[in-house]
Amino acid sequence: MRTIFACLFLCSAFAFGAAAAEPSEETIARGKALVEAGDCASCHTADPAKPFAGGKRIDTPFGGVYSANLTPDRDTGIGDWSDADFYGALRQGADPDGSHYYPAFPYPYFTRLTRPDIAAIRAYLATLTAFRSETPPPELHFPANFRVLMVAWNYLFFRPGIFEPDQSKGTDWNRGRYLVEGLGHCGACHTPKNIFGADKRGHAFSGGLVQGWFAPRLDAAERSGLKSWSVDDIAEYLKSGRNGKSHADGLMAEVVVNSTSKMSDADVRAMAVYLKSLPAGPPEPAVSAPPEARMKAGQAVYARLCVACHEADGSGAPRIYPPLPGNALLQSADPSSTLRVTLDGAQTVTTPRAPNTGSMPAYARDLSDQEIADVTNYIRNSWGNAAPLVTAEQVKKARTP
């Protein structure tokens, strides 16, 4: 009997010691790399002076939600959370009090994370400076403002479960899939959503509308996907924010600056290997050439305002001014991103791999809705490009905040 009690005492002491043990520097460093790969800073930093203190508004079709404070403040952050609380948040989408998060927090993707990775992420977050920062309540429209509805949403659309490697694939492919489908939650933007805000089944990585931008297809679609991109093209884009085919802008620029540019070359290449392996999903829409009169009007605008940087043949200056022929984003079925760049202008993202700057002026004040529609149709349907017609009404709608 005494032997049993001694064993129980030793086991309990060992378990307590293991739980209380400080994480190693290696674990914290791995957690930092994982946090960067998950792009946590982009959503959880509203004030650059208070990194990870949350409070950033995230607009959804159902209203706005605000990101949580991830710093170790015990009152407003996660400093008072247990390991089980943190695990439940990432794997089950549940708050420590049992309430359910809205999927603006991408737990449907984070559920694939392994327990050691979740522990490493928590270890790194515990080293951050603690900031007191209250998270504003959600500002959602009826009936989404009733959080209890998330019970039904999870039943219908949430499939918890860790990532399991495909033994028939290589190490890079499996690592890339883990990063793309799990930690990197690429589908949160690049997969279209149904009327309930869940990923459309059978449409993975076929592009999605996010906060006025269109996140382009990541599958092998011929015109608007990654079929013409090599693994090296994808890796260069993720690491530097640009390549010989395209430049990052809008929300993707944030991802590059805060996440992929900081990741290891090996992880970025693994993501590229996996993305390049994706087959083409839903077919691209059939398109007809715009009316000749509208193409001529668009060509006149292009000759007046665009040719100096993008050249008469659209070739531009790769990695400085992106080329237009064969440009996948330009040929997307949804023109939202092209219209945002034309209306608001663009600034080339700078990264350690590509520190030189470049910019494009905004034309919202200089061009009418019809002129912007015309020049957009011209560049989307010249030099072998093909994309659906853009109307002046679409431009007018894009102007509205």
Foldseek 3Di string as FASTA:
>chain_A
DVVVVVVVVVVVVVVVCVQPDADDPVLLVLLVQLCQLLLQQVQQDPDPVQTQQKQHWFQDPFAIFTGARCALDCPRHCVVPGLVQQLCCQQPQAHPVGFHDDCVVVSLQSLQDDSSNSVSNNSNRHPDDDDDDHHDGTDGDPPVSPSVCVVVVCVVARDGDHDDADPVDDPLQRLLCSSPRHSNVVQLAQAAADPVSHGDPQGGQCWYDGPLAIDHRLACAPQQYCVVPALVQQLCCLQWQFFQADGDFDPVLSSSARHSVPHDSSSSSSNSVNSHPHHDTDHDDDADQDDPVLLVLLLVVCVVAPCVQLNNLQSGDGPADHRLVSRNLLARQDVRNVLCCQAQKTKGRGGPVRHDIYIGHHCNPPDALSNSQSNSSNSCPPPPHGYYRDDSVNSVVSVPD
